[in-house]
Amino acid sequence: ANLLALQNMVKLSKVVQEKEKAKEKEKEIEGKGEAVAELKFNGLNLGTGRGVSVNEIFSLLKEIIKFPHPAHYGPPRAGDLRKNILDCRLIKEVLGWQPKFDFSAGLEKTVRWFKENIH
């Protein structure tokens, strides 16, 4: 696995929430030509616009949960993406959306939720 590959992460409930806002916005700007066409043909990317590597995720999780063991690396796999970072300019422009947390704060909240809710 390529642990240096960059991914763009976002909370799933935020995706659903922003999709609903996008539907409302699409109705609001119906008939205004280019903006509607851009929404319908390109859709909206929801993400931080910053890539996070698997190595970075592991390091953050290791620190958050006090995991004492090192990472184990395997060889890269065919088809692994080296970089996958979303362009979020359109959702910022159309809906005024901005991430509320950086990745590490969101990961800490997620870990805390699991600790409190999964027994």
PDB file of N, CA and C in Angstrom:
ATOM      1  N   ALA A   1       0.852  -1.186   0.000  1.00  0.00           N
ATOM      2  CA  ALA A   1       0.000   0.000   0.000  1.00  0.00           C
ATOM      3  C   ALA A   1       0.887   1.235   0.000  1.00  0.00           C
ATOM      4  N   ASN A   2       0.468   2.254  -0.715  1.00  0.00           N
ATOM      5  CA  ASN A   2       1.218   3.497  -0.761  1.00  0.00           C
ATOM      6  C   ASN A   2       0.767   4.379   0.396  1.00  0.00           C
ATOM      7  N   LEU A   3       1.532   4.393   1.461  1.00  0.00           N
ATOM      8  CA  LEU A   3       1.153   5.141   2.651  1.00  0.00           C
ATOM      9  C   LEU A   3       1.426   6.631   2.516  1.00  0.00           C
ATOM     10  N   LEU A   4       2.061   7.026   1.425  1.00  0.00           N
ATOM     11  CA  LEU A   4       2.294   8.444   1.182  1.00  0.00           C
ATOM     12  C   LEU A   4       1.234   9.037   0.268  1.00  0.00           C
ATOM     13  N   ALA A   5       0.364   8.196  -0.291  1.00  0.00           N
ATOM     14  CA  ALA A   5      -0.696   8.683  -1.176  1.00  0.00           C
ATOM     15  C   ALA A   5      -1.573   9.665  -0.414  1.00  0.00           C
ATOM     16  N   LEU A   6      -1.955  10.738  -1.075  1.00  0.00           N
ATOM     17  CA  LEU A   6      -2.768  11.759  -0.432  1.00  0.00           C
ATOM     18  C   LEU A   6      -4.238  11.551  -0.751  1.00  0.00           C
ATOM     19  N   GLN A   7      -5.074  11.648   0.251  1.00  0.00           N
ATOM     20  CA  GLN A   7      -6.518  11.529   0.103  1.00  0.00           C
ATOM     21  C   GLN A   7      -7.156  12.770   0.709  1.00  0.00           C
ATOM     22  N   ASN A   8      -8.373  13.060   0.284  1.00  0.00           N
ATOM     23  CA  ASN A   8      -9.121  14.188   0.822  1.00  0.00           C
ATOM     24  C   ASN A   8     -10.276  13.614   1.640  1.00  0.00           C
ATOM     25  N   MET A   9     -10.363  13.956   2.902  1.00  0.00           N
ATOM     26  CA  MET A   9     -11.351  13.363   3.804  1.00  0.00           C
ATOM     27  C   MET A   9     -12.380  14.400   4.239  1.00  0.00           C
ATOM     28  N   VAL A  10     -13.615  13.925   4.440  1.00  0.00           N
ATOM     29  CA  VAL A  10     -14.669  14.795   4.961  1.00  0.00           C
ATOM     30  C   VAL A  10     -15.712  13.924   5.655  1.00  0.00           C
ATOM     31  N   LYS A  11     -16.377  14.466   6.639  1.00  0.00           N
ATOM     32  CA  LYS A  11     -17.383  13.745   7.412  1.00  0.00           C
ATOM     33  C   LYS A  11     -18.624  13.489   6.546  1.00  0.00           C
ATOM     34  N   LEU A  12     -19.137  12.270   6.550  1.00  0.00           N
ATOM     35  CA  LEU A  12     -20.261  11.877   5.704  1.00  0.00           C
ATOM     36  C   LEU A  12     -21.517  12.695   5.966  1.00  0.00           C
ATOM     37  N   SER A  13     -21.850  12.974   7.208  1.00  0.00           N
ATOM     38  CA  SER A  13     -23.066  13.748   7.490  1.00  0.00           C
ATOM     39  C   SER A  13     -22.980  15.135   6.867  1.00  0.00           C
ATOM     40  N   LYS A  14     -21.766  15.677   6.762  1.00  0.00           N
ATOM     41  CA  LYS A  14     -21.571  16.976   6.127  1.00  0.00           C
ATOM     42  C   LYS A  14     -21.867  16.885   4.635  1.00  0.00           C
ATOM     43  N   VAL A  15     -21.531  15.764   4.006  1.00  0.00           N
ATOM     44  CA  VAL A  15     -21.816  15.565   2.579  1.00  0.00           C
ATOM     45  C   VAL A  15     -23.323  15.618   2.346  1.00  0.00           C
ATOM     46  N   VAL A  16     -24.087  14.905   3.169  1.00  0.00           N
ATOM     47  CA  VAL A  16     -25.545  14.867   3.027  1.00  0.00           C
ATOM     48  C   VAL A  16     -26.129  16.260   3.236  1.00  0.00           C
ATOM     49  N   GLN A  17     -25.676  16.939   4.259  1.00  0.00           N
ATOM     50  CA  GLN A  17     -26.164  18.281   4.571  1.00  0.00           C
ATOM     51  C   GLN A  17     -25.902  19.251   3.416  1.00  0.00           C
ATOM     52  N   GLU A  18     -24.703  19.220   2.856  1.00  0.00           N
ATOM     53  CA  GLU A  18     -24.356  20.133   1.768  1.00  0.00           C
ATOM     54  C   GLU A  18     -25.078  19.764   0.475  1.00  0.00           C
ATOM     55  N   LYS A  19     -25.372  18.488   0.270  1.00  0.00           N
ATOM     56  CA  LYS A  19     -26.131  18.073  -0.911  1.00  0.00           C
ATOM     57  C   LYS A  19     -27.524  18.693  -0.878  1.00  0.00           C
ATOM     58  N   GLU A  20     -28.141  18.721   0.287  1.00  0.00           N
ATOM     59  CA  GLU A  20     -29.460  19.345   0.433  1.00  0.00           C
ATOM     60  C   GLU A  20     -29.384  20.844   0.145  1.00  0.00           C
ATOM     61  N   LYS A  21     -28.354  21.501   0.639  1.00  0.00           N
ATOM     62  CA  LYS A  21     -28.171  22.927   0.369  1.00  0.00           C
ATOM     63  C   LYS A  21     -27.987  23.167  -1.123  1.00  0.00           C
ATOM     64  N   ALA A  22     -27.251  22.275  -1.784  1.00  0.00           N
ATOM     65  CA  ALA A  22     -27.005  22.418  -3.220  1.00  0.00           C
ATOM     66  C   ALA A  22     -28.306  22.303  -4.001  1.00  0.00           C
ATOM     67  N   LYS A  23     -29.187  21.382  -3.588  1.00  0.00           N
ATOM     68  CA  LYS A  23     -30.488  21.245  -4.259  1.00  0.00           C
ATOM     69  C   LYS A  23     -31.291  22.532  -4.127  1.00  0.00           C
ATOM     70  N   GLU A  24     -31.297  23.118  -2.939  1.00  0.00           N
ATOM     71  CA  GLU A  24     -32.011  24.375  -2.712  1.00  0.00           C
ATOM     72  C   GLU A  24     -31.412  25.491  -3.564  1.00  0.00           C
ATOM     73  N   LYS A  25     -30.097  25.551  -3.612  1.00  0.00           N
ATOM     74  CA  LYS A  25     -29.411  26.593  -4.384  1.00  0.00           C
ATOM     75  C   LYS A  25     -29.698  26.434  -5.870  1.00  0.00           C
ATOM     76  N   GLU A  26     -29.759  25.183  -6.340  1.00  0.00           N
ATOM     77  CA  GLU A  26     -30.043  24.924  -7.749  1.00  0.00           C
ATOM     78  C   GLU A  26     -31.420  25.474  -8.111  1.00  0.00           C
ATOM     79  N   LYS A  27     -32.411  25.280  -7.255  1.00  0.00           N
ATOM     80  CA  LYS A  27     -33.759  25.817  -7.495  1.00  0.00           C
ATOM     81  C   LYS A  27     -33.724  27.339  -7.506  1.00  0.00           C
ATOM     82  N   GLU A  28     -32.969  27.904  -6.581  1.00  0.00           N
ATOM     83  CA  GLU A  28     -32.877  29.356  -6.444  1.00  0.00           C
ATOM     84  C   GLU A  28     -32.292  30.019  -7.693  1.00  0.00           C
ATOM     85  N   ILE A  29     -31.300  29.377  -8.317  1.00  0.00           N
ATOM     86  CA  ILE A  29     -30.641  30.002  -9.469  1.00  0.00           C
ATOM     87  C   ILE A  29     -31.112  29.440 -10.803  1.00  0.00           C
ATOM     88  N   GLU A  30     -32.192  28.643 -10.774  1.00  0.00           N
ATOM     89  CA  GLU A  30     -32.743  28.067 -12.010  1.00  0.00           C
ATOM     90  C   GLU A  30     -32.961  29.180 -13.029  1.00  0.00           C
ATOM     91  N   GLY A  31     -32.517  28.948 -14.238  1.00  0.00           N
ATOM     92  CA  GLY A  31     -32.701  29.927 -15.305  1.00  0.00           C
ATOM     93  C   GLY A  31     -31.603  30.968 -15.380  1.00  0.00           C
ATOM     94  N   LYS A  32     -30.600  30.856 -14.543  1.00  0.00           N
ATOM     95  CA  LYS A  32     -29.506  31.826 -14.581  1.00  0.00           C
ATOM     96  C   LYS A  32     -28.314  31.295 -15.370  1.00  0.00           C
ATOM     97  N   GLY A  33     -28.572  30.332 -16.240  1.00  0.00           N
ATOM     98  CA  GLY A  33     -27.597  29.864 -17.211  1.00  0.00           C
ATOM     99  C   GLY A  33     -26.370  29.162 -16.679  1.00  0.00           C
ATOM    100  N   GLU A  34     -25.230  29.836 -16.752  1.00  0.00           N
ATOM    101  CA  GLU A  34     -23.935  29.209 -16.481  1.00  0.00           C
ATOM    102  C   GLU A  34     -23.819  28.567 -15.106  1.00  0.00           C
ATOM    103  N   ALA A  35     -24.295  29.237 -14.070  1.00  0.00           N
ATOM    104  CA  ALA A  35     -24.160  28.693 -12.714  1.00  0.00           C
ATOM    105  C   ALA A  35     -24.888  27.366 -12.583  1.00  0.00           C
ATOM    106  N   VAL A  36     -26.099  27.283 -13.136  1.00  0.00           N
ATOM    107  CA  VAL A  36     -26.868  26.032 -13.081  1.00  0.00           C
ATOM    108  C   VAL A  36     -26.176  24.962 -13.901  1.00  0.00           C
ATOM    109  N   ALA A  37     -25.702  25.322 -15.082  1.00  0.00           N
ATOM    110  CA  ALA A  37     -25.008  24.350 -15.932  1.00  0.00           C
ATOM    111  C   ALA A  37     -23.783  23.806 -15.211  1.00  0.00           C
ATOM    112  N   GLU A  38     -23.052  24.672 -14.555  1.00  0.00           N
ATOM    113  CA  GLU A  38     -21.856  24.222 -13.839  1.00  0.00           C
ATOM    114  C   GLU A  38     -22.221  23.271 -12.708  1.00  0.00           C
ATOM    115  N   LEU A  39     -23.290  23.575 -11.975  1.00  0.00           N
ATOM    116  CA  LEU A  39     -23.740  22.683 -10.901  1.00  0.00           C
ATOM    117  C   LEU A  39     -24.182  21.337 -11.443  1.00  0.00           C
ATOM    118  N   LYS A  40     -24.969  21.348 -12.522  1.00  0.00           N
ATOM    119  CA  LYS A  40     -25.531  20.104 -13.050  1.00  0.00           C
ATOM    120  C   LYS A  40     -24.480  19.225 -13.708  1.00  0.00           C
ATOM    121  N   PHE A  41     -23.518  19.817 -14.395  1.00  0.00           N
ATOM    122  CA  PHE A  41     -22.548  19.016 -15.131  1.00  0.00           C
ATOM    123  C   PHE A  41     -21.300  18.685 -14.322  1.00  0.00           C
ATOM    124  N   ASN A  42     -20.944  19.518 -13.400  1.00  0.00           N
ATOM    125  CA  ASN A  42     -19.729  19.278 -12.626  1.00  0.00           C
ATOM    126  C   ASN A  42     -20.002  18.773 -11.223  1.00  0.00           C
ATOM    127  N   GLY A  43     -21.151  19.061 -10.688  1.00  0.00           N
ATOM    128  CA  GLY A  43     -21.435  18.689  -9.309  1.00  0.00           C
ATOM    129  C   GLY A  43     -20.592  19.522  -8.362  1.00  0.00           C
ATOM    130  N   LEU A  44     -20.673  19.202  -7.095  1.00  0.00           N
ATOM    131  CA  LEU A  44     -19.916  19.927  -6.083  1.00  0.00           C
ATOM    132  C   LEU A  44     -19.008  18.964  -5.343  1.00  0.00           C
ATOM    133  N   ASN A  45     -17.750  19.326  -5.221  1.00  0.00           N
ATOM    134  CA  ASN A  45     -16.815  18.546  -4.414  1.00  0.00           C
ATOM    135  C   ASN A  45     -16.841  19.091  -3.001  1.00  0.00           C
ATOM    136  N   LEU A  46     -16.888  18.204  -2.049  1.00  0.00           N
ATOM    137  CA  LEU A  46     -16.889  18.600  -0.649  1.00  0.00           C
ATOM    138  C   LEU A  46     -15.669  17.980   0.012  1.00  0.00           C
ATOM    139  N   GLY A  47     -14.769  18.807   0.440  1.00  0.00           N
ATOM    140  CA  GLY A  47     -13.548  18.318   1.064  1.00  0.00           C
ATOM    141  C   GLY A  47     -12.786  19.488   1.646  1.00  0.00           C
ATOM    142  N   THR A  48     -11.620  19.208   2.140  1.00  0.00           N
ATOM    143  CA  THR A  48     -10.810  20.264   2.748  1.00  0.00           C
ATOM    144  C   THR A  48      -9.939  20.974   1.723  1.00  0.00           C
ATOM    145  N   GLY A  49      -9.727  20.333   0.575  1.00  0.00           N
ATOM    146  CA  GLY A  49      -8.810  20.885  -0.408  1.00  0.00           C
ATOM    147  C   GLY A  49      -7.358  20.604  -0.046  1.00  0.00           C
ATOM    148  N   ARG A  50      -7.148  19.830   0.998  1.00  0.00           N
ATOM    149  CA  ARG A  50      -5.798  19.473   1.455  1.00  0.00           C
ATOM    150  C   ARG A  50      -5.707  17.959   1.549  1.00  0.00           C
ATOM    151  N   GLY A  51      -4.674  17.400   0.991  1.00  0.00           N
ATOM    152  CA  GLY A  51      -4.487  15.956   1.048  1.00  0.00           C
ATOM    153  C   GLY A  51      -3.923  15.506   2.387  1.00  0.00           C
ATOM    154  N   VAL A  52      -4.301  14.302   2.787  1.00  0.00           N
ATOM    155  CA  VAL A  52      -3.798  13.700   4.021  1.00  0.00           C
ATOM    156  C   VAL A  52      -3.307  12.302   3.664  1.00  0.00           C
ATOM    157  N   SER A  53      -2.057  11.999   3.948  1.00  0.00           N
ATOM    158  CA  SER A  53      -1.517  10.680   3.617  1.00  0.00           C
ATOM    159  C   SER A  53      -1.931   9.650   4.663  1.00  0.00           C
ATOM    160  N   VAL A  54      -1.893   8.383   4.272  1.00  0.00           N
ATOM    161  CA  VAL A  54      -2.179   7.300   5.213  1.00  0.00           C
ATOM    162  C   VAL A  54      -1.167   7.349   6.360  1.00  0.00           C
ATOM    163  N   ASN A  55       0.080   7.691   6.049  1.00  0.00           N
ATOM    164  CA  ASN A  55       1.101   7.849   7.097  1.00  0.00           C
ATOM    165  C   ASN A  55       0.694   8.911   8.113  1.00  0.00           C
ATOM    166  N   GLU A  56       0.199  10.035   7.607  1.00  0.00           N
ATOM    167  CA  GLU A  56      -0.223  11.122   8.493  1.00  0.00           C
ATOM    168  C   GLU A  56      -1.415  10.682   9.350  1.00  0.00           C
ATOM    169  N   ILE A  57      -2.368   9.981   8.739  1.00  0.00           N
ATOM    170  CA  ILE A  57      -3.528   9.481   9.485  1.00  0.00           C
ATOM    171  C   ILE A  57      -3.060   8.523  10.579  1.00  0.00           C
ATOM    172  N   PHE A  58      -2.166   7.605  10.218  1.00  0.00           N
ATOM    173  CA  PHE A  58      -1.651   6.646  11.205  1.00  0.00           C
ATOM    174  C   PHE A  58      -0.957   7.377  12.354  1.00  0.00           C
ATOM    175  N   SER A  59      -0.111   8.337  12.025  1.00  0.00           N
ATOM    176  CA  SER A  59       0.617   9.080  13.068  1.00  0.00           C
ATOM    177  C   SER A  59      -0.336   9.820  13.998  1.00  0.00           C
ATOM    178  N   LEU A  60      -1.345  10.462  13.424  1.00  0.00           N
ATOM    179  CA  LEU A  60      -2.325  11.179  14.244  1.00  0.00           C
ATOM    180  C   LEU A  60      -3.107  10.222  15.138  1.00  0.00           C
ATOM    181  N   LEU A  61      -3.592   9.119  14.542  1.00  0.00           N
ATOM    182  CA  LEU A  61      -4.343   8.134  15.325  1.00  0.00           C
ATOM    183  C   LEU A  61      -3.480   7.527  16.423  1.00  0.00           C
ATOM    184  N   LYS A  62      -2.238   7.233  16.074  1.00  0.00           N
ATOM    185  CA  LYS A  62      -1.303   6.650  17.044  1.00  0.00           C
ATOM    186  C   LYS A  62      -1.176   7.565  18.260  1.00  0.00           C
ATOM    187  N   GLU A  63      -1.088   8.859  18.002  1.00  0.00           N
ATOM    188  CA  GLU A  63      -0.970   9.844  19.080  1.00  0.00           C
ATOM    189  C   GLU A  63      -2.286   9.963  19.867  1.00  0.00           C
ATOM    190  N   ILE A  64      -3.408  10.031  19.161  1.00  0.00           N
ATOM    191  CA  ILE A  64      -4.718  10.213  19.808  1.00  0.00           C
ATOM    192  C   ILE A  64      -5.073   9.036  20.707  1.00  0.00           C
ATOM    193  N   ILE A  65      -4.861   7.812  20.208  1.00  0.00           N
ATOM    194  CA  ILE A  65      -5.278   6.631  20.987  1.00  0.00           C
ATOM    195  C   ILE A  65      -4.125   6.003  21.766  1.00  0.00           C
ATOM    196  N   LYS A  66      -2.965   6.663  21.719  1.00  0.00           N
ATOM    197  CA  LYS A  66      -1.778   6.173  22.454  1.00  0.00           C
ATOM    198  C   LYS A  66      -1.399   4.754  22.026  1.00  0.00           C
ATOM    199  N   PHE A  67      -1.372   4.527  20.701  1.00  0.00           N
ATOM    200  CA  PHE A  67      -1.026   3.219  20.136  1.00  0.00           C
ATOM    201  C   PHE A  67       0.491   3.068  20.165  1.00  0.00           C
ATOM    202  N   PRO A  68       1.034   2.040  20.839  1.00  0.00           N
ATOM    203  CA  PRO A  68       2.476   1.952  21.054  1.00  0.00           C
ATOM    204  C   PRO A  68       3.275   1.272  19.935  1.00  0.00           C
ATOM    205  N   HIS A  69       2.622   0.749  18.918  1.00  0.00           N
ATOM    206  CA  HIS A  69       3.323  -0.062  17.924  1.00  0.00           C
ATOM    207  C   HIS A  69       3.654   0.729  16.652  1.00  0.00           C
ATOM    208  N   PRO A  70       4.704   0.303  15.937  1.00  0.00           N
ATOM    209  CA  PRO A  70       5.052   0.977  14.680  1.00  0.00           C
ATOM    210  C   PRO A  70       4.124   0.533  13.545  1.00  0.00           C
ATOM    211  N   ALA A  71       4.152   1.295  12.474  1.00  0.00           N
ATOM    212  CA  ALA A  71       3.391   0.928  11.269  1.00  0.00           C
ATOM    213  C   ALA A  71       4.102  -0.224  10.569  1.00  0.00           C
ATOM    214  N   HIS A  72       3.346  -1.073   9.909  1.00  0.00           N
ATOM    215  CA  HIS A  72       3.904  -2.147   9.084  1.00  0.00           C
ATOM    216  C   HIS A  72       3.601  -1.806   7.632  1.00  0.00           C
ATOM    217  N   TYR A  73       4.636  -1.756   6.816  1.00  0.00           N
ATOM    218  CA  TYR A  73       4.490  -1.346   5.425  1.00  0.00           C
ATOM    219  C   TYR A  73       4.513  -2.549   4.500  1.00  0.00           C
ATOM    220  N   GLY A  74       3.665  -2.514   3.492  1.00  0.00           N
ATOM    221  CA  GLY A  74       3.665  -3.533   2.454  1.00  0.00           C
ATOM    222  C   GLY A  74       4.043  -2.884   1.134  1.00  0.00           C
ATOM    223  N   PRO A  75       4.221  -3.675   0.108  1.00  0.00           N
ATOM    224  CA  PRO A  75       4.577  -3.110  -1.196  1.00  0.00           C
ATOM    225  C   PRO A  75       3.394  -2.347  -1.802  1.00  0.00           C
ATOM    226  N   PRO A  76       3.675  -1.361  -2.659  1.00  0.00           N
ATOM    227  CA  PRO A  76       2.587  -0.654  -3.342  1.00  0.00           C
ATOM    228  C   PRO A  76       1.742  -1.637  -4.162  1.00  0.00           C
ATOM    229  N   ARG A  77       0.461  -1.335  -4.286  1.00  0.00           N
ATOM    230  CA  ARG A  77      -0.443  -2.192  -5.053  1.00  0.00           C
ATOM    231  C   ARG A  77      -0.788  -1.520  -6.374  1.00  0.00           C
ATOM    232  N   ALA A  78      -1.011  -2.337  -7.385  1.00  0.00           N
ATOM    233  CA  ALA A  78      -1.433  -1.806  -8.684  1.00  0.00           C
ATOM    234  C   ALA A  78      -2.751  -1.069  -8.500  1.00  0.00           C
ATOM    235  N   GLY A  79      -2.866   0.096  -9.086  1.00  0.00           N
ATOM    236  CA  GLY A  79      -4.106   0.854  -9.014  1.00  0.00           C
ATOM    237  C   GLY A  79      -4.193   1.821  -7.847  1.00  0.00           C
ATOM    238  N   ASP A  80      -3.234   1.766  -6.913  1.00  0.00           N
ATOM    239  CA  ASP A  80      -3.247   2.724  -5.802  1.00  0.00           C
ATOM    240  C   ASP A  80      -3.082   4.141  -6.355  1.00  0.00           C
ATOM    241  N   LEU A  81      -3.900   5.059  -5.872  1.00  0.00           N
ATOM    242  CA  LEU A  81      -3.778   6.459  -6.283  1.00  0.00           C
ATOM    243  C   LEU A  81      -2.631   7.113  -5.525  1.00  0.00           C
ATOM    244  N   ARG A  82      -1.872   7.935  -6.228  1.00  0.00           N
ATOM    245  CA  ARG A  82      -0.787   8.658  -5.565  1.00  0.00           C
ATOM    246  C   ARG A  82      -1.313   9.947  -4.939  1.00  0.00           C
ATOM    247  N   LYS A  83      -2.375  10.492  -5.543  1.00  0.00           N
ATOM    248  CA  LYS A  83      -2.908  11.757  -5.047  1.00  0.00           C
ATOM    249  C   LYS A  83      -4.386  11.852  -5.417  1.00  0.00           C
ATOM    250  N   ASN A  84      -5.224  12.226  -4.456  1.00  0.00           N
ATOM    251  CA  ASN A  84      -6.650  12.397  -4.693  1.00  0.00           C
ATOM    252  C   ASN A  84      -7.134  13.545  -3.810  1.00  0.00           C
ATOM    253  N   ILE A  85      -7.051  14.755  -4.349  1.00  0.00           N
ATOM    254  CA  ILE A  85      -7.438  15.944  -3.596  1.00  0.00           C
ATOM    255  C   ILE A  85      -8.518  16.666  -4.392  1.00  0.00           C
ATOM    256  N   LEU A  86      -9.638  16.928  -3.743  1.00  0.00           N
ATOM    257  CA  LEU A  86     -10.769  17.544  -4.417  1.00  0.00           C
ATOM    258  C   LEU A  86     -10.578  19.045  -4.598  1.00  0.00           C
ATOM    259  N   ASP A  87     -11.088  19.557  -5.723  1.00  0.00           N
ATOM    260  CA  ASP A  87     -11.133  20.991  -5.966  1.00  0.00           C
ATOM    261  C   ASP A  87     -12.468  21.481  -5.411  1.00  0.00           C
ATOM    262  N   CYS A  88     -12.435  22.224  -4.341  1.00  0.00           N
ATOM    263  CA  CYS A  88     -13.655  22.628  -3.625  1.00  0.00           C
ATOM    264  C   CYS A  88     -14.031  24.087  -3.875  1.00  0.00           C
ATOM    265  N   ARG A  89     -13.462  24.690  -4.914  1.00  0.00           N
ATOM    266  CA  ARG A  89     -13.756  26.103  -5.175  1.00  0.00           C
ATOM    267  C   ARG A  89     -15.225  26.348  -5.480  1.00  0.00           C
ATOM    268  N   LEU A  90     -15.866  25.444  -6.237  1.00  0.00           N
ATOM    269  CA  LEU A  90     -17.252  25.673  -6.634  1.00  0.00           C
ATOM    270  C   LEU A  90     -18.199  25.654  -5.433  1.00  0.00           C
ATOM    271  N   ILE A  91     -18.035  24.702  -4.517  1.00  0.00           N
ATOM    272  CA  ILE A  91     -18.931  24.650  -3.351  1.00  0.00           C
ATOM    273  C   ILE A  91     -18.720  25.868  -2.449  1.00  0.00           C
ATOM    274  N   LYS A  92     -17.496  26.365  -2.403  1.00  0.00           N
ATOM    275  CA  LYS A  92     -17.225  27.577  -1.623  1.00  0.00           C
ATOM    276  C   LYS A  92     -17.902  28.777  -2.276  1.00  0.00           C
ATOM    277  N   GLU A  93     -17.818  28.836  -3.609  1.00  0.00           N
ATOM    278  CA  GLU A  93     -18.406  29.950  -4.350  1.00  0.00           C
ATOM    279  C   GLU A  93     -19.932  29.911  -4.311  1.00  0.00           C
ATOM    280  N   VAL A  94     -20.519  28.746  -4.566  1.00  0.00           N
ATOM    281  CA  VAL A  94     -21.971  28.625  -4.688  1.00  0.00           C
ATOM    282  C   VAL A  94     -22.672  28.600  -3.331  1.00  0.00           C
ATOM    283  N   LEU A  95     -22.149  27.842  -2.387  1.00  0.00           N
ATOM    284  CA  LEU A  95     -22.819  27.682  -1.090  1.00  0.00           C
ATOM    285  C   LEU A  95     -22.114  28.401   0.056  1.00  0.00           C
ATOM    286  N   GLY A  96     -20.928  28.935  -0.220  1.00  0.00           N
ATOM    287  CA  GLY A  96     -20.170  29.586   0.841  1.00  0.00           C
ATOM    288  C   GLY A  96     -19.632  28.607   1.874  1.00  0.00           C
ATOM    289  N   TRP A  97     -19.485  27.337   1.467  1.00  0.00           N
ATOM    290  CA  TRP A  97     -19.074  26.297   2.410  1.00  0.00           C
ATOM    291  C   TRP A  97     -17.592  26.389   2.736  1.00  0.00           C
ATOM    292  N   GLN A  98     -17.275  26.189   3.999  1.00  0.00           N
ATOM    293  CA  GLN A  98     -15.896  26.103   4.477  1.00  0.00           C
ATOM    294  C   GLN A  98     -15.831  24.960   5.482  1.00  0.00           C
ATOM    295  N   PRO A  99     -14.743  24.195   5.519  1.00  0.00           N
ATOM    296  CA  PRO A  99     -14.623  23.162   6.549  1.00  0.00           C
ATOM    297  C   PRO A  99     -14.627  23.808   7.938  1.00  0.00           C
ATOM    298  N   LYS A 100     -15.288  23.158   8.899  1.00  0.00           N
ATOM    299  CA  LYS A 100     -15.329  23.691  10.266  1.00  0.00           C
ATOM    300  C   LYS A 100     -14.122  23.252  11.085  1.00  0.00           C
ATOM    301  N   PHE A 101     -13.508  22.141  10.696  1.00  0.00           N
ATOM    302  CA  PHE A 101     -12.375  21.600  11.439  1.00  0.00           C
ATOM    303  C   PHE A 101     -11.266  21.254  10.470  1.00  0.00           C
ATOM    304  N   ASP A 102     -10.024  21.316  10.939  1.00  0.00           N
ATOM    305  CA  ASP A 102      -8.959  20.742  10.136  1.00  0.00           C
ATOM    306  C   ASP A 102      -9.011  19.229  10.347  1.00  0.00           C
ATOM    307  N   PHE A 103      -8.249  18.491   9.574  1.00  0.00           N
ATOM    308  CA  PHE A 103      -8.355  17.034   9.612  1.00  0.00           C
ATOM    309  C   PHE A 103      -8.068  16.465  10.996  1.00  0.00           C
ATOM    310  N   SER A 104      -7.003  16.931  11.643  1.00  0.00           N
ATOM    311  CA  SER A 104      -6.642  16.348  12.942  1.00  0.00           C
ATOM    312  C   SER A 104      -7.731  16.592  13.985  1.00  0.00           C
ATOM    313  N   ALA A 105      -8.339  17.771  14.000  1.00  0.00           N
ATOM    314  CA  ALA A 105      -9.429  18.043  14.953  1.00  0.00           C
ATOM    315  C   ALA A 105     -10.633  17.158  14.651  1.00  0.00           C
ATOM    316  N   GLY A 106     -10.947  16.974  13.366  1.00  0.00           N
ATOM    317  CA  GLY A 106     -12.053  16.095  12.985  1.00  0.00           C
ATOM    318  C   GLY A 106     -11.792  14.651  13.368  1.00  0.00           C
ATOM    319  N   LEU A 107     -10.550  14.211  13.218  1.00  0.00           N
ATOM    320  CA  LEU A 107     -10.188  12.841  13.591  1.00  0.00           C
ATOM    321  C   LEU A 107     -10.308  12.652  15.104  1.00  0.00           C
ATOM    322  N   GLU A 108      -9.868  13.643  15.857  1.00  0.00           N
ATOM    323  CA  GLU A 108     -10.008  13.571  17.319  1.00  0.00           C
ATOM    324  C   GLU A 108     -11.473  13.480  17.725  1.00  0.00           C
ATOM    325  N   LYS A 109     -12.336  14.282  17.087  1.00  0.00           N
ATOM    326  CA  LYS A 109     -13.776  14.227  17.385  1.00  0.00           C
ATOM    327  C   LYS A 109     -14.348  12.853  17.046  1.00  0.00           C
ATOM    328  N   THR A 110     -13.916  12.286  15.926  1.00  0.00           N
ATOM    329  CA  THR A 110     -14.401  10.968  15.507  1.00  0.00           C
ATOM    330  C   THR A 110     -13.996   9.896  16.509  1.00  0.00           C
ATOM    331  N   VAL A 111     -12.734   9.916  16.937  1.00  0.00           N
ATOM    332  CA  VAL A 111     -12.253   8.939  17.928  1.00  0.00           C
ATOM    333  C   VAL A 111     -13.034   9.093  19.229  1.00  0.00           C
ATOM    334  N   ARG A 112     -13.237  10.330  19.658  1.00  0.00           N
ATOM    335  CA  ARG A 112     -13.996  10.576  20.893  1.00  0.00           C
ATOM    336  C   ARG A 112     -15.420  10.021  20.768  1.00  0.00           C
ATOM    337  N   TRP A 113     -16.058  10.231  19.603  1.00  0.00           N
ATOM    338  CA  TRP A 113     -17.412   9.714  19.387  1.00  0.00           C
ATOM    339  C   TRP A 113     -17.426   8.189  19.515  1.00  0.00           C
ATOM    340  N   PHE A 114     -16.460   7.518  18.875  1.00  0.00           N
ATOM    341  CA  PHE A 114     -16.403   6.053  18.958  1.00  0.00           C
ATOM    342  C   PHE A 114     -16.212   5.593  20.401  1.00  0.00           C
ATOM    343  N   LYS A 115     -15.342   6.262  21.136  1.00  0.00           N
ATOM    344  CA  LYS A 115     -15.106   5.884  22.537  1.00  0.00           C
ATOM    345  C   LYS A 115     -16.375   6.037  23.374  1.00  0.00           C
ATOM    346  N   GLU A 116     -17.155   7.080  23.093  1.00  0.00           N
ATOM    347  CA  GLU A 116     -18.367   7.348  23.867  1.00  0.00           C
ATOM    348  C   GLU A 116     -19.562   6.504  23.433  1.00  0.00           C
ATOM    349  N   ASN A 117     -19.581   6.043  22.190  1.00  0.00           N
ATOM    350  CA  ASN A 117     -20.784   5.399  21.657  1.00  0.00           C
ATOM    351  C   ASN A 117     -20.650   3.928  21.284  1.00  0.00           C
ATOM    352  N   ILE A 118     -19.442   3.444  21.119  1.00  0.00           N
ATOM    353  CA  ILE A 118     -19.241   2.045  20.735  1.00  0.00           C
ATOM    354  C   ILE A 118     -18.598   1.318  21.911  1.00  0.00           C
ATOM    355  N   HIS A 119     -19.307   0.353  22.445  1.00  0.00           N
ATOM    356  CA  HIS A 119     -18.802  -0.355  23.639  1.00  0.00           C
ATOM    357  C   HIS A 119     -18.559  -1.799  23.328  1.00  0.00           C
TER     358      HIS A 119
END
